[in-house]
Amino acid sequence: MDNYTRINPKAYRFLFLMDPYASLNLETETSLALITELLGRGHGVYWLEESGVFLADGVPHGKISEVTQVQPFITGPVITLPLEDFDALLLRKDPPFDLKYLHLTLMLDQLPARMLQFNSVRALRDFNEKLLPLRWPDLTPETLVTANSNLVLEFIEKHNTVILKPLDDCSGRGILRVQHGEITACQIESYKQSLATPSPYIMAQRFLTEVALGDKRIFLVAGEPVGWVNRIPQSGSFLANIHQGARCEATTLTEFESTAIERIAPFLRQQGIFFAGLDFIGSYLTEINITSPSAIRQISQVMNQKIEVKLVDRMLERLA
């Protein structure tokens, strides 16, 4: 660390706390695009995985390696360092949000306030991506969150076609479309147990037929939209996730979306949520992705821009 600082005294040191490289989806991976841009500007980028984090006498440490190249992915030798040695932390682990993730955030609470976090670890723990939009219920479709399967059945009867979602997963995993009369309370309980992180609580949401026209991802940095893409489900599918085979198209922001962002942005900034991916179907807000929002590669492609440049610009402005 000291040698690196002397060689390039103007460089910042970014610590990425990531899932193992082999598990990443390189088609949509946003973190690697950020790392490439940071390395290209001469900054230091360091890699840490959850298994390498530990708390010693109240100080978070990690088994850390310096990233020297992204394609192919090359890192230096693993060394043990206190995490407070770095200028900024990017906790970019994908959901599910499980007990391990919770304990990780509690350990990271010990980091000093001077170390910037993109996003705030406390915000990642305090706000669920599926539940966060419900702070603005007039922007969201009719939604029920409950552990009571009979209430889910009543909700399905009322709305006829409903989406069931796990609260703690991503990329379209575990999402189920059901119609009135085709599912029982017992089957709902079985569905909950089949999820990656079984929980008594699930979300039921009125099915939006507008999804056939796409699910729009709008990427915000410090509350400001910097890029957007429309994701169209495959024929015969209702899942508009890139990981589920959706195709990406260029799009524009609607007045509804711009107004919604203006309302939501102050809250995001106040809570230290620097990166956010807002999802809109028709005139409804469905998710606010904050754990490791992605799709900037697809946004860059359809907008013919390098969105990661904007993201890195804003991070460097915040550090300066």
Foldseek 3Di string as FASTA:
>chain_A
DVVLCVVPVVAFEEEEAEAPPVPDDVVWAPVLLLVVVSVVVPHWYKYFYLVFWDADPLFIKGQIWTFDDVVVTDTDHTDIDGPLVGQEYEHAYADQPDPSLVVSLVSVVSHDPRRAYQFNSVCVNPDFFQCVVVVVVVQAFDKDKDLQLVVVLVVQVVQFWKWKAARRHDQPPLIDIDGRPPDDSVRVQVSQVPGPHRDSIIMIGRDDPLCQVFKKKFKAFLLHTLFIWTWHDDVPDSDRGVSRPTDIADDDDDPLRVVVSVVCNVVCNVNRNGIWIWIDRDRHTRTIDRNNDIDQVVRCVNVVHNSSVVNVVVVVVVSD
